[in-house]
C-alpha atoms as a PDB file:
ATOM      1  CA  LEU A   1     105.803 107.081  78.068  1.00  0.00           C
ATOM      2  CA  TRP A   2     102.257 107.371  76.941  1.00  0.00           C
ATOM      3  CA  THR A   3      99.225 108.929  78.341  1.00  0.00           C
ATOM      4  CA  ARG A   4      95.823 109.159  77.741  1.00  0.00           C
ATOM      5  CA  ASN A   5      96.081 112.383  79.724  1.00  0.00           C
ATOM      6  CA  ASP A   6      95.760 116.162  78.558  1.00  0.00           C
ATOM      7  CA  GLU A   7      99.206 118.052  78.349  1.00  0.00           C
ATOM      8  CA  GLY A   8      99.885 118.470  82.024  1.00  0.00           C
ATOM      9  CA  ASP A   9     101.721 121.140  84.376  1.00  0.00           C
ATOM     10  CA  LYS A  10     105.448 122.101  84.038  1.00  0.00           C
ATOM     11  CA  VAL A  11     107.324 120.543  86.729  1.00  0.00           C
ATOM     12  CA  GLN A  12     107.394 123.783  89.320  1.00  0.00           C
ATOM     13  CA  VAL A  13     111.555 123.947  90.697  1.00  0.00           C
ATOM     14  CA  TYR A  14     111.414 125.563  94.618  1.00  0.00           C
ATOM     15  CA  THR A  15     115.015 126.710  96.033  1.00  0.00           C
ATOM     16  CA  ALA A  16     114.253 127.112  99.707  1.00  0.00           C
ATOM     17  CA  GLU A  17     116.891 128.909 102.107  1.00  0.00           C
ATOM     18  CA  ASN A  18     117.017 125.694 104.717  1.00  0.00           C
ATOM     19  CA  GLU A  19     114.813 122.792 105.525  1.00  0.00           C
ATOM     20  CA  GLN A  20     112.604 124.764 107.439  1.00  0.00           C
ATOM     21  CA  ASP A  21     111.768 126.762 104.573  1.00  0.00           C
ATOM     22  CA  GLU A  22     111.523 123.622 102.453  1.00  0.00           C
ATOM     23  CA  ALA A  23     109.141 122.070 104.734  1.00  0.00           C
ATOM     24  CA  MET A  24     106.937 125.471 104.735  1.00  0.00           C
ATOM     25  CA  HIS A  25     106.847 125.550 101.076  1.00  0.00           C
ATOM     26  CA  ILE A  26     105.122 121.970 100.706  1.00  0.00           C
ATOM     27  CA  ALA A  27     102.473 123.059 103.377  1.00  0.00           C
ATOM     28  CA  ASP A  28     101.732 126.198 101.581  1.00  0.00           C
ATOM     29  CA  VAL A  29     101.327 124.298  98.458  1.00  0.00           C
ATOM     30  CA  ILE A  30      99.271 121.400  99.835  1.00  0.00           C
ATOM     31  CA  GLY A  31      97.003 124.135 101.773  1.00  0.00           C
ATOM     32  CA  GLU A  32      96.312 126.138  98.759  1.00  0.00           C
ATOM     33  CA  HIS A  33      95.117 122.454  96.965  1.00  0.00           C
ATOM     34  CA  LEU A  34      92.666 121.866 100.452  1.00  0.00           C
ATOM     35  CA  LYS A  35      91.069 125.800  99.864  1.00  0.00           C
ATOM     36  CA  GLU A  36      90.659 124.339  95.996  1.00  0.00           C
ATOM     37  CA  GLY A  37      88.895 121.125  97.531  1.00  0.00           C
ATOM     38  CA  GLY A  38      91.509 118.817  97.384  1.00  0.00           C
ATOM     39  CA  HIS A  39      92.473 116.084  99.636  1.00  0.00           C
ATOM     40  CA  LEU A  40      95.767 115.161 102.433  1.00  0.00           C
ATOM     41  CA  ALA A  41      96.198 111.961 100.566  1.00  0.00           C
ATOM     42  CA  ASP A  42      96.370 113.343  97.193  1.00  0.00           C
ATOM     43  CA  HIS A  43      99.985 114.347  98.187  1.00  0.00           C
ATOM     44  CA  ALA A  44     103.397 112.816  98.877  1.00  0.00           C
ATOM     45  CA  VAL A  45     106.528 114.197  99.912  1.00  0.00           C
ATOM     46  CA  LEU A  46     109.151 111.830  98.732  1.00  0.00           C
ATOM     47  CA  TYR A  47     112.982 111.576  99.678  1.00  0.00           C
ATOM     48  CA  ARG A  48     116.239 109.927  99.460  1.00  0.00           C
ATOM     49  CA  MET A  49     117.250 109.018 103.119  1.00  0.00           C
ATOM     50  CA  ASN A  50     114.839 108.544 105.959  1.00  0.00           C
ATOM     51  CA  ALA A  51     116.416 110.942 108.403  1.00  0.00           C
ATOM     52  CA  GLN A  52     115.106 113.973 105.692  1.00  0.00           C
ATOM     53  CA  SER A  53     111.876 113.129 106.938  1.00  0.00           C
ATOM     54  CA  ALA A  54     112.158 114.811 110.178  1.00  0.00           C
ATOM     55  CA  PRO A  55     112.236 118.690 109.687  1.00  0.00           C
ATOM     56  CA  ILE A  56     108.831 117.797 107.096  1.00  0.00           C
ATOM     57  CA  GLU A  57     107.551 115.860 110.415  1.00  0.00           C
ATOM     58  CA  SER A  58     107.801 118.466 112.917  1.00  0.00           C
ATOM     59  CA  TYR A  59     106.823 121.319 110.950  1.00  0.00           C
ATOM     60  CA  PHE A  60     103.633 119.645 109.593  1.00  0.00           C
ATOM     61  CA  THR A  61     103.055 118.252 113.699  1.00  0.00           C
ATOM     62  CA  ARG A  62     103.334 122.188 114.412  1.00  0.00           C
ATOM     63  CA  ALA A  63     101.371 123.270 111.428  1.00  0.00           C
ATOM     64  CA  GLY A  64      98.696 120.772 112.215  1.00  0.00           C
ATOM     65  CA  ILE A  65      98.771 118.805 108.914  1.00  0.00           C
ATOM     66  CA  PRO A  66      97.789 115.291 109.485  1.00  0.00           C
ATOM     67  CA  HIS A  67     100.577 112.872 107.776  1.00  0.00           C
ATOM     68  CA  LYS A  68     101.960 109.273 107.961  1.00  0.00           C
ATOM     69  CA  ILE A  69     105.444 107.314 106.966  1.00  0.00           C
ATOM     70  CA  VAL A  70     104.794 104.891 104.570  1.00  0.00           C
ATOM     71  CA  GLY A  71     107.556 102.279 104.680  1.00  0.00           C
ATOM     72  CA  GLY A  72     109.603 103.525 107.987  1.00  0.00           C
ATOM     73  CA  GLN A  73     108.935 104.780 110.966  1.00  0.00           C
ATOM     74  CA  ARG A  74     108.446 108.048 112.329  1.00  0.00           C
ATOM     75  CA  PHE A  75     111.506 109.998 113.123  1.00  0.00           C
ATOM     76  CA  ASN A  76     111.241 110.132 116.897  1.00  0.00           C
ATOM     77  CA  ASP A  77     109.771 106.374 117.220  1.00  0.00           C
ATOM     78  CA  ARG A  78     113.061 105.066 115.510  1.00  0.00           C
ATOM     79  CA  LYS A  79     115.156 102.602 117.590  1.00  0.00           C
ATOM     80  CA  GLU A  80     118.499 104.811 117.668  1.00  0.00           C
ATOM     81  CA  VAL A  81     116.778 107.935 118.211  1.00  0.00           C
ATOM     82  CA  LYS A  82     114.766 106.661 120.978  1.00  0.00           C
ATOM     83  CA  ASP A  83     117.985 105.203 122.888  1.00  0.00           C
ATOM     84  CA  ILE A  84     119.604 108.530 122.813  1.00  0.00           C
ATOM     85  CA  HIS A  85     116.739 110.195 123.942  1.00  0.00           C
ATOM     86  CA  SER A  86     116.620 107.820 127.017  1.00  0.00           C
ATOM     87  CA  TYR A  87     120.178 108.867 127.752  1.00  0.00           C
ATOM     88  CA  MET A  88     119.372 112.389 127.704  1.00  0.00           C
ATOM     89  CA  SER A  89     116.155 112.002 129.768  1.00  0.00           C
ATOM     90  CA  ILE A  90     118.290 110.019 132.603  1.00  0.00           C
ATOM     91  CA  VAL A  91     120.719 112.872 132.465  1.00  0.00           C
ATOM     92  CA  ALA A  92     117.596 115.479 132.744  1.00  0.00           C
ATOM     93  CA  ASN A  93     116.211 113.816 136.177  1.00  0.00           C
ATOM     94  CA  ALA A  94     119.283 114.769 138.239  1.00  0.00           C
ATOM     95  CA  ARG A  95     116.914 113.686 140.986  1.00  0.00           C
ATOM     96  CA  ASP A  96     118.356 110.396 141.020  1.00  0.00           C
ATOM     97  CA  ASP A  97     121.588 111.165 141.596  1.00  0.00           C
ATOM     98  CA  VAL A  98     121.538 110.189 144.977  1.00  0.00           C
ATOM     99  CA  ARG A  99     119.730 106.980 144.289  1.00  0.00           C
ATOM    100  CA  LEU A 100     122.625 105.844 141.740  1.00  0.00           C
ATOM    101  CA  ARG A 101     125.173 106.543 144.159  1.00  0.00           C
ATOM    102  CA  ARG A 102     124.187 104.575 147.164  1.00  0.00           C
ATOM    103  CA  ILE A 103     123.728 101.734 144.370  1.00  0.00           C
ATOM    104  CA  ILE A 104     127.193 101.983 143.202  1.00  0.00           C
ATOM    105  CA  ASN A 105     128.990 102.633 146.337  1.00  0.00           C
ATOM    106  CA  ALA A 106     128.107  98.482 146.863  1.00  0.00           C
ATOM    107  CA  ASP A 107     131.286  98.172 145.287  1.00  0.00           C
ATOM    108  CA  ALA A 108     133.044  98.253 148.662  1.00  0.00           C
ATOM    109  CA  TYR A 109     131.677  94.818 149.041  1.00  0.00           C
ATOM    110  CA  ALA A 110     134.121  92.069 147.620  1.00  0.00           C
ATOM    111  CA  LYS A 111     131.427  89.861 146.633  1.00  0.00           C
ATOM    112  CA  LEU A 112     129.251  92.735 144.949  1.00  0.00           C
ATOM    113  CA  SER A 113     132.042  93.922 143.251  1.00  0.00           C
ATOM    114  CA  ARG A 114     132.166  91.965 140.155  1.00  0.00           C
ATOM    115  CA  ALA A 115     127.811  92.336 139.646  1.00  0.00           C
ATOM    116  CA  ILE A 116     128.623  96.341 140.163  1.00  0.00           C
ATOM    117  CA  MET A 117     131.146  96.677 137.291  1.00  0.00           C
ATOM    118  CA  PRO A 118     128.594  97.837 134.652  1.00  0.00           C
ATOM    119  CA  LEU A 119     127.163  99.828 136.540  1.00  0.00           C
ATOM    120  CA  LEU A 120     130.491 101.691 137.778  1.00  0.00           C
ATOM    121  CA  LYS A 121     131.341 101.801 133.886  1.00  0.00           C
ATOM    122  CA  PHE A 122     127.578 103.375 133.576  1.00  0.00           C
ATOM    123  CA  TRP A 123     128.622 105.912 136.227  1.00  0.00           C
ATOM    124  CA  GLN A 124     131.238 107.296 134.294  1.00  0.00           C
ATOM    125  CA  ILE A 125     129.563 107.791 131.555  1.00  0.00           C
ATOM    126  CA  TYR A 126     126.699 109.608 133.604  1.00  0.00           C
ATOM    127  CA  GLU A 127     129.185 112.028 135.076  1.00  0.00           C
ATOM    128  CA  LYS A 128     130.856 112.802 131.650  1.00  0.00           C
ATOM    129  CA  LEU A 129     127.269 113.377 130.463  1.00  0.00           C
ATOM    130  CA  GLN A 130     126.689 115.329 133.376  1.00  0.00           C
ATOM    131  CA  GLU A 131     129.511 117.825 132.637  1.00  0.00           C
ATOM    132  CA  SER A 132     128.897 117.763 128.921  1.00  0.00           C
ATOM    133  CA  LEU A 133     125.380 119.356 130.002  1.00  0.00           C
ATOM    134  CA  GLU A 134     126.693 122.082 132.476  1.00  0.00           C
ATOM    135  CA  THR A 135     129.610 123.313 130.229  1.00  0.00           C
ATOM    136  CA  ARG A 136     128.416 122.795 126.246  1.00  0.00           C
ATOM    137  CA  THR A 137     125.389 123.997 124.141  1.00  0.00           C
ATOM    138  CA  LEU A 138     122.476 121.635 124.066  1.00  0.00           C
ATOM    139  CA  ASP A 139     123.421 119.993 120.524  1.00  0.00           C
ATOM    140  CA  GLU A 140     126.831 119.854 121.415  1.00  0.00           C
ATOM    141  CA  PHE A 141     125.671 117.727 124.459  1.00  0.00           C
ATOM    142  CA  ALA A 142     123.432 115.582 122.228  1.00  0.00           C
ATOM    143  CA  GLN A 143     126.306 115.148 120.016  1.00  0.00           C
ATOM    144  CA  ASP A 144     128.556 113.732 123.433  1.00  0.00           C
ATOM    145  CA  VAL A 145     125.437 111.258 124.319  1.00  0.00           C
ATOM    146  CA  ILE A 146     126.014 109.863 120.758  1.00  0.00           C
ATOM    147  CA  GLU A 147     129.518 109.500 121.074  1.00  0.00           C
ATOM    148  CA  VAL A 148     130.159 108.832 124.904  1.00  0.00           C
ATOM    149  CA  THR A 149     127.670 106.206 125.411  1.00  0.00           C
ATOM    150  CA  GLY A 150     129.404 104.509 122.657  1.00  0.00           C
ATOM    151  CA  TYR A 151     126.265 104.590 120.124  1.00  0.00           C
ATOM    152  CA  LYS A 152     128.162 106.215 117.718  1.00  0.00           C
ATOM    153  CA  ALA A 153     131.121 103.708 117.751  1.00  0.00           C
ATOM    154  CA  MET A 154     128.364 100.627 117.925  1.00  0.00           C
ATOM    155  CA  LEU A 155     126.718 101.975 114.534  1.00  0.00           C
ATOM    156  CA  GLU A 156     130.370 102.702 112.868  1.00  0.00           C
ATOM    157  CA  ALA A 157     131.468  99.231 113.516  1.00  0.00           C
ATOM    158  CA  ASP A 158     128.325  97.761 112.165  1.00  0.00           C
ATOM    159  CA  ALA A 159     128.608  99.851 108.840  1.00  0.00           C
ATOM    160  CA  ALA A 160     131.889  98.163 108.650  1.00  0.00           C
ATOM    161  CA  LYS A 161     130.814  94.913 108.653  1.00  0.00           C
ATOM    162  CA  GLY A 162     128.205  95.604 106.133  1.00  0.00           C
ATOM    163  CA  HIS A 163     125.148  95.830 108.383  1.00  0.00           C
ATOM    164  CA  GLU A 164     122.438  97.892 105.797  1.00  0.00           C
ATOM    165  CA  ASP A 165     120.624  99.972 108.032  1.00  0.00           C
ATOM    166  CA  ALA A 166     123.709 100.712 110.134  1.00  0.00           C
ATOM    167  CA  ALA A 167     124.371 103.672 107.797  1.00  0.00           C
ATOM    168  CA  ASP A 168     120.705 104.743 107.657  1.00  0.00           C
ATOM    169  CA  ARG A 169     120.372 104.854 111.551  1.00  0.00           C
ATOM    170  CA  LEU A 170     124.138 106.895 111.531  1.00  0.00           C
ATOM    171  CA  GLN A 171     122.303 109.207 109.509  1.00  0.00           C
ATOM    172  CA  ASN A 172     119.494 109.413 111.809  1.00  0.00           C
ATOM    173  CA  LEU A 173     121.594 110.359 114.754  1.00  0.00           C
ATOM    174  CA  GLY A 174     122.905 113.138 112.715  1.00  0.00           C
ATOM    175  CA  GLN A 175     119.390 114.282 112.160  1.00  0.00           C
ATOM    176  CA  LEU A 176     119.039 114.140 116.304  1.00  0.00           C
ATOM    177  CA  VAL A 177     121.869 116.639 116.557  1.00  0.00           C
ATOM    178  CA  ASN A 178     120.417 118.675 113.844  1.00  0.00           C
ATOM    179  CA  ASN A 179     116.636 118.901 115.299  1.00  0.00           C
ATOM    180  CA  VAL A 180     118.336 119.783 118.883  1.00  0.00           C
ATOM    181  CA  LYS A 181     120.110 122.472 117.067  1.00  0.00           C
ATOM    182  CA  ASN A 182     116.843 123.625 115.539  1.00  0.00           C
ATOM    183  CA  TYR A 183     114.966 123.502 119.198  1.00  0.00           C
ATOM    184  CA  CYS A 184     117.927 125.827 120.461  1.00  0.00           C
ATOM    185  CA  ASP A 185     117.545 128.622 117.376  1.00  0.00           C
ATOM    186  CA  GLN A 186     113.880 128.446 118.127  1.00  0.00           C
ATOM    187  CA  HIS A 187     114.132 129.201 121.650  1.00  0.00           C
ATOM    188  CA  GLY A 188     117.300 131.135 122.015  1.00  0.00           C
ATOM    189  CA  GLU A 189     118.204 131.434 125.562  1.00  0.00           C
ATOM    190  CA  ASP A 190     114.822 129.714 126.931  1.00  0.00           C
ATOM    191  CA  ALA A 191     116.445 126.424 125.254  1.00  0.00           C
ATOM    192  CA  SER A 192     116.757 123.292 128.115  1.00  0.00           C
ATOM    193  CA  LEU A 193     116.989 120.032 127.666  1.00  0.00           C
ATOM    194  CA  GLU A 194     114.006 119.590 129.844  1.00  0.00           C
ATOM    195  CA  GLY A 195     112.206 121.843 126.960  1.00  0.00           C
ATOM    196  CA  TYR A 196     113.511 119.655 124.754  1.00  0.00           C
ATOM    197  CA  LEU A 197     112.532 116.582 125.967  1.00  0.00           C
ATOM    198  CA  GLU A 198     109.059 118.058 126.277  1.00  0.00           C
ATOM    199  CA  ASP A 199     109.064 119.230 123.081  1.00  0.00           C
ATOM    200  CA  ILE A 200     109.494 115.652 121.395  1.00  0.00           C
ATOM    201  CA  ALA A 201     106.917 114.198 124.090  1.00  0.00           C
ATOM    202  CA  LEU A 202     104.337 116.588 122.468  1.00  0.00           C
ATOM    203  CA  ILE A 203     105.332 115.838 119.137  1.00  0.00           C
ATOM    204  CA  SER A 204     104.928 112.018 119.697  1.00  0.00           C
ATOM    205  CA  ASP A 205     101.318 112.725 121.317  1.00  0.00           C
ATOM    206  CA  ILE A 206      99.960 114.677 119.043  1.00  0.00           C
ATOM    207  CA  ASP A 207     101.476 112.370 115.904  1.00  0.00           C
ATOM    208  CA  SER A 208      99.735 109.098 117.583  1.00  0.00           C
ATOM    209  CA  TYR A 209      96.241 111.193 117.631  1.00  0.00           C
ATOM    210  CA  ASN A 210      93.873 110.351 114.366  1.00  0.00           C
ATOM    211  CA  GLU A 211      95.383 107.558 112.576  1.00  0.00           C
ATOM    212  CA  SER A 212      92.545 106.962 110.107  1.00  0.00           C
ATOM    213  CA  ALA A 213      91.866 110.455 109.096  1.00  0.00           C
ATOM    214  CA  ASP A 214      93.175 111.762 105.631  1.00  0.00           C
ATOM    215  CA  GLN A 215      96.803 111.923 105.634  1.00  0.00           C
ATOM    216  CA  VAL A 216      99.822 113.495 103.845  1.00  0.00           C
ATOM    217  CA  VAL A 217     101.985 110.431 102.873  1.00  0.00           C
ATOM    218  CA  LEU A 218     105.562 110.694 103.508  1.00  0.00           C
ATOM    219  CA  MET A 219     108.231 107.954 102.283  1.00  0.00           C
ATOM    220  CA  THR A 220     111.767 107.378 100.753  1.00  0.00           C
ATOM    221  CA  ILE A 221     111.654 107.094  97.367  1.00  0.00           C
ATOM    222  CA  HIS A 222     112.654 103.454  97.392  1.00  0.00           C
ATOM    223  CA  SER A 223     109.475 103.094  99.261  1.00  0.00           C
ATOM    224  CA  ALA A 224     107.343 104.752  96.818  1.00  0.00           C
ATOM    225  CA  LYS A 225     107.849 102.067  93.957  1.00  0.00           C
ATOM    226  CA  GLY A 226     104.369 101.456  92.256  1.00  0.00           C
ATOM    227  CA  LEU A 227     102.630 103.994  93.930  1.00  0.00           C
ATOM    228  CA  GLU A 228     101.177 107.493  92.410  1.00  0.00           C
ATOM    229  CA  PHE A 229      99.947 110.493  93.666  1.00  0.00           C
ATOM    230  CA  PRO A 230      98.136 113.748  92.154  1.00  0.00           C
ATOM    231  CA  TYR A 231     100.699 115.524  93.669  1.00  0.00           C
ATOM    232  CA  VAL A 232     104.013 114.555  94.482  1.00  0.00           C
ATOM    233  CA  PHE A 233     107.364 116.507  96.110  1.00  0.00           C
ATOM    234  CA  LEU A 234     110.574 115.479  95.735  1.00  0.00           C
ATOM    235  CA  ILE A 235     113.119 117.262  98.403  1.00  0.00           C
ATOM    236  CA  GLY A 236     116.482 117.557  98.544  1.00  0.00           C
ATOM    237  CA  MET A 237     117.653 117.051  95.290  1.00  0.00           C
ATOM    238  CA  GLU A 238     120.921 118.602  95.692  1.00  0.00           C
ATOM    239  CA  GLU A 239     124.493 117.186  95.056  1.00  0.00           C
ATOM    240  CA  GLY A 240     125.533 115.400  98.183  1.00  0.00           C
ATOM    241  CA  VAL A 241     121.791 114.405  99.304  1.00  0.00           C
ATOM    242  CA  PHE A 242     120.480 113.454  96.143  1.00  0.00           C
ATOM    243  CA  PRO A 243     122.806 112.451  93.840  1.00  0.00           C
ATOM    244  CA  SER A 244     123.745 110.576  97.343  1.00  0.00           C
ATOM    245  CA  GLU A 245     127.923 111.791  98.364  1.00  0.00           C
ATOM    246  CA  MET A 246     129.036 108.510  97.500  1.00  0.00           C
ATOM    247  CA  SER A 247     127.666 108.703  93.906  1.00  0.00           C
ATOM    248  CA  LYS A 248     130.550 111.206  93.133  1.00  0.00           C
ATOM    249  CA  TYR A 249     132.930 108.568  92.653  1.00  0.00           C
ATOM    250  CA  SER A 250     131.223 105.474  90.647  1.00  0.00           C
ATOM    251  CA  GLU A 251     129.709 106.245  87.023  1.00  0.00           C
ATOM    252  CA  ALA A 252     127.509 102.823  87.939  1.00  0.00           C
ATOM    253  CA  ASP A 253     126.145 104.617  91.734  1.00  0.00           C
ATOM    254  CA  LEU A 254     125.471 108.184  89.784  1.00  0.00           C
ATOM    255  CA  GLU A 255     122.993 105.616  87.246  1.00  0.00           C
ATOM    256  CA  GLU A 256     121.665 104.219  89.993  1.00  0.00           C
ATOM    257  CA  GLU A 257     120.910 107.704  91.701  1.00  0.00           C
ATOM    258  CA  ARG A 258     119.348 108.771  88.149  1.00  0.00           C
ATOM    259  CA  ARG A 259     117.275 105.545  88.055  1.00  0.00           C
ATOM    260  CA  LEU A 260     115.466 106.437  91.496  1.00  0.00           C
ATOM    261  CA  ALA A 261     115.104 109.988  90.349  1.00  0.00           C
ATOM    262  CA  TYR A 262     113.117 108.673  87.464  1.00  0.00           C
ATOM    263  CA  VAL A 263     111.210 106.608  89.954  1.00  0.00           C
ATOM    264  CA  GLY A 264     110.479 109.396  92.048  1.00  0.00           C
ATOM    265  CA  ILE A 265     109.451 111.970  88.902  1.00  0.00           C
ATOM    266  CA  THR A 266     107.186 109.355  87.439  1.00  0.00           C
ATOM    267  CA  ARG A 267     105.294 108.982  90.660  1.00  0.00           C
ATOM    268  CA  ALA A 268     103.562 112.277  90.003  1.00  0.00           C
ATOM    269  CA  LYS A 269     100.016 112.127  88.032  1.00  0.00           C
ATOM    270  CA  LYS A 270      99.122 115.710  88.167  1.00  0.00           C
ATOM    271  CA  GLU A 271     101.836 117.936  89.374  1.00  0.00           C
ATOM    272  CA  LEU A 272     105.415 117.328  90.265  1.00  0.00           C
ATOM    273  CA  TYR A 273     107.622 119.697  92.513  1.00  0.00           C
ATOM    274  CA  ILE A 274     111.324 119.502  93.131  1.00  0.00           C
ATOM    275  CA  SER A 275     113.055 121.285  95.902  1.00  0.00           C
ATOM    276  CA  ASN A 276     116.427 122.020  97.004  1.00  0.00           C
ATOM    277  CA  SER A 277     117.622 124.124  99.371  1.00  0.00           C
ATOM    278  CA  VAL A 278     120.555 126.874  99.745  1.00  0.00           C
ATOM    279  CA  SER A 279     121.713 125.406 102.795  1.00  0.00           C
ATOM    280  CA  ARG A 280     120.923 122.018 104.736  1.00  0.00           C
ATOM    281  CA  MET A 281     121.695 120.652 108.131  1.00  0.00           C
ATOM    282  CA  LEU A 282     123.142 117.306 107.622  1.00  0.00           C
ATOM    283  CA  TYR A 283     124.993 115.234 110.328  1.00  0.00           C
ATOM    284  CA  GLY A 284     124.794 118.336 112.699  1.00  0.00           C
ATOM    285  CA  ARG A 285     126.745 120.423 110.255  1.00  0.00           C
ATOM    286  CA  THR A 286     125.618 123.414 108.322  1.00  0.00           C
ATOM    287  CA  GLN A 287     126.140 122.598 104.638  1.00  0.00           C
ATOM    288  CA  ARG A 288     125.782 124.966 101.977  1.00  0.00           C
END
């Protein structure tokens, strides 16, 4: 590679405690650059998997850092995340029990019984989830919603058929469970399903505000091909995330990860920050 520029800064590597610490570090660096007269839009956060954007989005929103997702949707706007949140909202709104029961009791009438079967099935799911909410922790409840509704099985079946986005969507649901767990950790005994859903609504409202402003860019490395930014943060550089878990088993896949890392590294014009984490919550489990 050849450049007309002066010799650049060394690559900076940061080892975070967890994904929240990783997000905080990025925010701190951006803050320093802004004090020196830099722009938000000079900064890009690049990641291997779409699901990795969630902790960054959440932290940036709370810290008041305007940001936009390029080549993808904001985490809470992704279809599978919205769907599971919808189920969670129904279970949270217990006032509708009476109405639901009234509708479903119509199965006593033979003519209506065929039409009522899907509702009965839904009622069984609903009752299971009500029980889960009462007896399990909030993040276990979120996991139950994903499984009891059949959503996980549906995506696993799609993945087995070779649907490309199914694996991505499964990762997003794993991240949704992480988000619920993080919410519980932050709020302790005050954590509730209603509180979590209010948080989500608040984040979505703040996110949709001020679209045209100077914003930090968040995107996958795949989406970043052909683009350049003065400051690039390459996050999650650790075994099992980037390089991905699957690349362990194949030299060709590992080579592909290496090419992708090259793409990520060469997006940076001035400064490159690479981060990894001592522990990271993935698919609802903390990995060290």
